[in-house]
């Protein structure tokens, strides 16, 4: 189960990033965090930009609705997404 908190239509949850993957994709859950494989290397913020793009596409929100609020230089991050609810996150995980 992914750790998250919801305040209105803003969802905050944990993300575990696996950089330098063969392709960028959401790959399920890992230790209470959404596991996301990122094709970009963790250099000059490229992996963080790709992470926001992948999450935005998966949750069907604009990229500027996704914000990394903790752990920008770590594999373990906290992400805040505006305009989405917990049910949407649950559906995303179940579809993996």
Foldseek 3Di string as FASTA:
>chain_A
DADWDDDPQKIKTKEAEAELDPDWAFDADDPRHTYIYYNHDLPPLPRVLRVLVRVCVLLVHDSVQKDFPDDSPHSMTMIMGGRHDPVSVVVSRVVD
